[in-house]
Amino acid sequence: MLILTRKNREAVVIGENSGIGQLLKVTVLEVHSGRVKLGFEADSELPIHRAEVWERIQAQNRTS
């Protein structure tokens, strides 16, 4: 696991923008009372899910 520290309005970019890979940009929008609000920018083909939703999708795919 990679652990990074980011301040408000700072971002992390995952992937490459060379036309080969998909790009995901995660920006810290707000930190308040122990909660972090994140913004995600990605190619429209790249699905983005909360972890618990993704796990349910994976479980459904295994049973199908």
N, C-alpha and C. Protein backbone atom coordinates (compact mmCIF):
# COMPACT_ATOMS: atom_id res chain seq x y z
N MET A 1 0.85 -1.18 0.00
CA MET A 1 0.00 0.00 0.00
C MET A 1 0.89 1.23 0.00
N LEU A 2 0.59 2.14 -0.90
CA LEU A 2 1.29 3.42 -0.94
C LEU A 2 0.50 4.41 -0.10
N ILE A 3 1.15 5.10 0.81
CA ILE A 3 0.50 6.08 1.67
C ILE A 3 1.09 7.44 1.35
N LEU A 4 0.22 8.38 0.99
CA LEU A 4 0.63 9.74 0.65
C LEU A 4 -0.09 10.74 1.53
N THR A 5 0.56 11.84 1.80
CA THR A 5 -0.07 12.93 2.52
C THR A 5 -0.37 14.04 1.52
N ARG A 6 -1.60 14.51 1.51
CA ARG A 6 -2.04 15.57 0.61
C ARG A 6 -2.78 16.62 1.42
N LYS A 7 -2.61 17.85 1.05
CA LYS A 7 -3.35 18.95 1.67
C LYS A 7 -4.59 19.24 0.84
N ASN A 8 -5.45 20.10 1.38
CA ASN A 8 -6.66 20.51 0.67
C ASN A 8 -6.31 21.03 -0.72
N ARG A 9 -7.03 20.57 -1.72
CA ARG A 9 -6.87 20.93 -3.14
C ARG A 9 -5.63 20.34 -3.81
N GLU A 10 -4.89 19.49 -3.11
CA GLU A 10 -3.78 18.77 -3.74
C GLU A 10 -4.31 17.46 -4.30
N ALA A 11 -3.63 16.92 -5.32
CA ALA A 11 -4.13 15.75 -6.03
C ALA A 11 -3.06 14.70 -6.20
N VAL A 12 -3.51 13.51 -6.57
CA VAL A 12 -2.66 12.38 -6.94
C VAL A 12 -3.16 11.90 -8.29
N VAL A 13 -2.25 11.61 -9.21
CA VAL A 13 -2.62 11.12 -10.53
C VAL A 13 -2.13 9.68 -10.66
N ILE A 14 -3.02 8.80 -11.13
CA ILE A 14 -2.70 7.38 -11.30
C ILE A 14 -2.86 7.04 -12.77
N GLY A 15 -1.88 6.38 -13.33
CA GLY A 15 -1.93 5.99 -14.74
C GLY A 15 -1.08 6.91 -15.58
N GLU A 16 -1.32 6.82 -16.88
CA GLU A 16 -0.56 7.67 -17.81
C GLU A 16 -1.51 8.24 -18.85
N ASN A 17 -1.15 9.37 -19.37
CA ASN A 17 -2.01 10.06 -20.32
C ASN A 17 -1.38 10.05 -21.71
N SER A 18 -0.87 8.88 -22.11
CA SER A 18 -0.21 8.77 -23.41
C SER A 18 -1.11 8.14 -24.46
N GLY A 19 -2.40 7.97 -24.12
CA GLY A 19 -3.31 7.33 -25.05
C GLY A 19 -3.34 5.82 -24.89
N ILE A 20 -2.39 5.27 -24.12
CA ILE A 20 -2.32 3.82 -23.92
C ILE A 20 -3.04 3.43 -22.64
N GLY A 21 -2.74 4.11 -21.56
CA GLY A 21 -3.32 3.76 -20.27
C GLY A 21 -4.46 4.67 -19.91
N GLN A 22 -5.16 4.32 -18.84
CA GLN A 22 -6.25 5.16 -18.35
C GLN A 22 -5.72 6.04 -17.24
N LEU A 23 -6.34 7.20 -17.09
CA LEU A 23 -5.88 8.20 -16.14
C LEU A 23 -6.92 8.40 -15.06
N LEU A 24 -6.48 8.44 -13.80
CA LEU A 24 -7.35 8.73 -12.67
C LEU A 24 -6.69 9.80 -11.83
N LYS A 25 -7.40 10.90 -11.60
CA LYS A 25 -6.90 11.98 -10.75
C LYS A 25 -7.80 12.06 -9.53
N VAL A 26 -7.19 11.98 -8.35
CA VAL A 26 -7.91 12.06 -7.08
C VAL A 26 -7.46 13.33 -6.38
N THR A 27 -8.44 14.20 -6.04
CA THR A 27 -8.15 15.48 -5.41
C THR A 27 -8.81 15.55 -4.05
N VAL A 28 -8.08 16.02 -3.05
CA VAL A 28 -8.65 16.25 -1.72
C VAL A 28 -9.45 17.56 -1.82
N LEU A 29 -10.76 17.46 -1.61
CA LEU A 29 -11.62 18.63 -1.70
C LEU A 29 -11.85 19.29 -0.35
N GLU A 30 -11.91 18.48 0.70
CA GLU A 30 -12.21 19.03 2.02
C GLU A 30 -11.80 18.04 3.10
N VAL A 31 -11.29 18.56 4.20
CA VAL A 31 -11.01 17.75 5.38
C VAL A 31 -11.71 18.45 6.54
N HIS A 32 -12.64 17.71 7.19
CA HIS A 32 -13.42 18.33 8.26
C HIS A 32 -13.87 17.26 9.25
N SER A 33 -13.61 17.46 10.51
CA SER A 33 -14.06 16.57 11.58
C SER A 33 -13.70 15.11 11.33
N GLY A 34 -12.48 14.86 10.91
CA GLY A 34 -12.03 13.49 10.71
C GLY A 34 -12.52 12.84 9.43
N ARG A 35 -13.19 13.60 8.56
CA ARG A 35 -13.68 13.06 7.29
C ARG A 35 -12.98 13.77 6.14
N VAL A 36 -12.76 13.03 5.07
CA VAL A 36 -12.09 13.58 3.90
C VAL A 36 -13.04 13.47 2.71
N LYS A 37 -13.23 14.57 2.00
CA LYS A 37 -14.04 14.56 0.78
C LYS A 37 -13.08 14.54 -0.40
N LEU A 38 -13.23 13.52 -1.27
CA LEU A 38 -12.35 13.34 -2.41
C LEU A 38 -13.11 13.58 -3.71
N GLY A 39 -12.43 14.12 -4.70
CA GLY A 39 -12.98 14.27 -6.04
C GLY A 39 -12.21 13.37 -6.98
N PHE A 40 -12.91 12.70 -7.90
CA PHE A 40 -12.30 11.78 -8.84
C PHE A 40 -12.54 12.24 -10.26
N GLU A 41 -11.48 12.34 -11.03
CA GLU A 41 -11.58 12.64 -12.46
C GLU A 41 -10.97 11.46 -13.20
N ALA A 42 -11.75 10.88 -14.14
CA ALA A 42 -11.26 9.71 -14.85
C ALA A 42 -11.87 9.67 -16.24
N ASP A 43 -11.25 8.86 -17.10
CA ASP A 43 -11.83 8.60 -18.40
C ASP A 43 -13.24 8.05 -18.20
N SER A 44 -14.16 8.38 -19.07
CA SER A 44 -15.55 7.97 -18.90
C SER A 44 -15.72 6.44 -18.94
N GLU A 45 -14.76 5.73 -19.53
CA GLU A 45 -14.84 4.27 -19.60
C GLU A 45 -14.38 3.59 -18.30
N LEU A 46 -13.77 4.34 -17.42
CA LEU A 46 -13.22 3.77 -16.20
C LEU A 46 -14.26 3.81 -15.08
N PRO A 47 -14.77 2.64 -14.66
CA PRO A 47 -15.76 2.65 -13.58
C PRO A 47 -15.09 2.99 -12.24
N ILE A 48 -15.79 3.78 -11.43
CA ILE A 48 -15.31 4.13 -10.10
C ILE A 48 -16.40 3.77 -9.10
N HIS A 49 -16.05 2.96 -8.11
CA HIS A 49 -17.02 2.51 -7.10
C HIS A 49 -16.41 2.66 -5.72
N ARG A 50 -17.26 2.86 -4.72
CA ARG A 50 -16.79 2.73 -3.33
C ARG A 50 -16.41 1.26 -3.14
N ALA A 51 -15.48 0.98 -2.23
CA ALA A 51 -14.95 -0.37 -2.05
C ALA A 51 -16.06 -1.37 -1.74
N GLU A 52 -17.02 -1.01 -0.89
CA GLU A 52 -18.07 -1.97 -0.52
C GLU A 52 -18.98 -2.29 -1.71
N VAL A 53 -19.20 -1.34 -2.60
CA VAL A 53 -20.00 -1.59 -3.80
C VAL A 53 -19.21 -2.49 -4.75
N TRP A 54 -17.93 -2.20 -4.93
CA TRP A 54 -17.08 -3.01 -5.80
C TRP A 54 -17.04 -4.46 -5.31
N GLU A 55 -16.94 -4.66 -3.99
CA GLU A 55 -16.91 -6.02 -3.43
C GLU A 55 -18.21 -6.76 -3.71
N ARG A 56 -19.36 -6.07 -3.62
CA ARG A 56 -20.64 -6.70 -3.96
C ARG A 56 -20.70 -7.09 -5.43
N ILE A 57 -20.21 -6.23 -6.29
CA ILE A 57 -20.18 -6.53 -7.73
C ILE A 57 -19.31 -7.76 -7.99
N GLN A 58 -18.15 -7.82 -7.35
CA GLN A 58 -17.27 -8.96 -7.52
C GLN A 58 -17.92 -10.24 -7.03
N ALA A 59 -18.61 -10.19 -5.89
CA ALA A 59 -19.28 -11.37 -5.35
C ALA A 59 -20.39 -11.83 -6.30
N GLN A 60 -21.14 -10.90 -6.87
CA GLN A 60 -22.19 -11.25 -7.83
C GLN A 60 -21.60 -11.88 -9.07
N ASN A 61 -20.46 -11.36 -9.53
CA ASN A 61 -19.81 -11.91 -10.72
C ASN A 61 -19.31 -13.33 -10.48
N ARG A 62 -18.87 -13.63 -9.24
CA ARG A 62 -18.38 -14.97 -8.93
C ARG A 62 -19.52 -15.98 -8.89
N THR A 63 -20.71 -15.55 -8.49
CA THR A 63 -21.85 -16.47 -8.41
C THR A 63 -22.57 -16.63 -9.74
N SER A 64 -22.30 -15.76 -10.68
CA SER A 64 -22.96 -15.84 -12.01
C SER A 64 -22.24 -16.78 -12.93
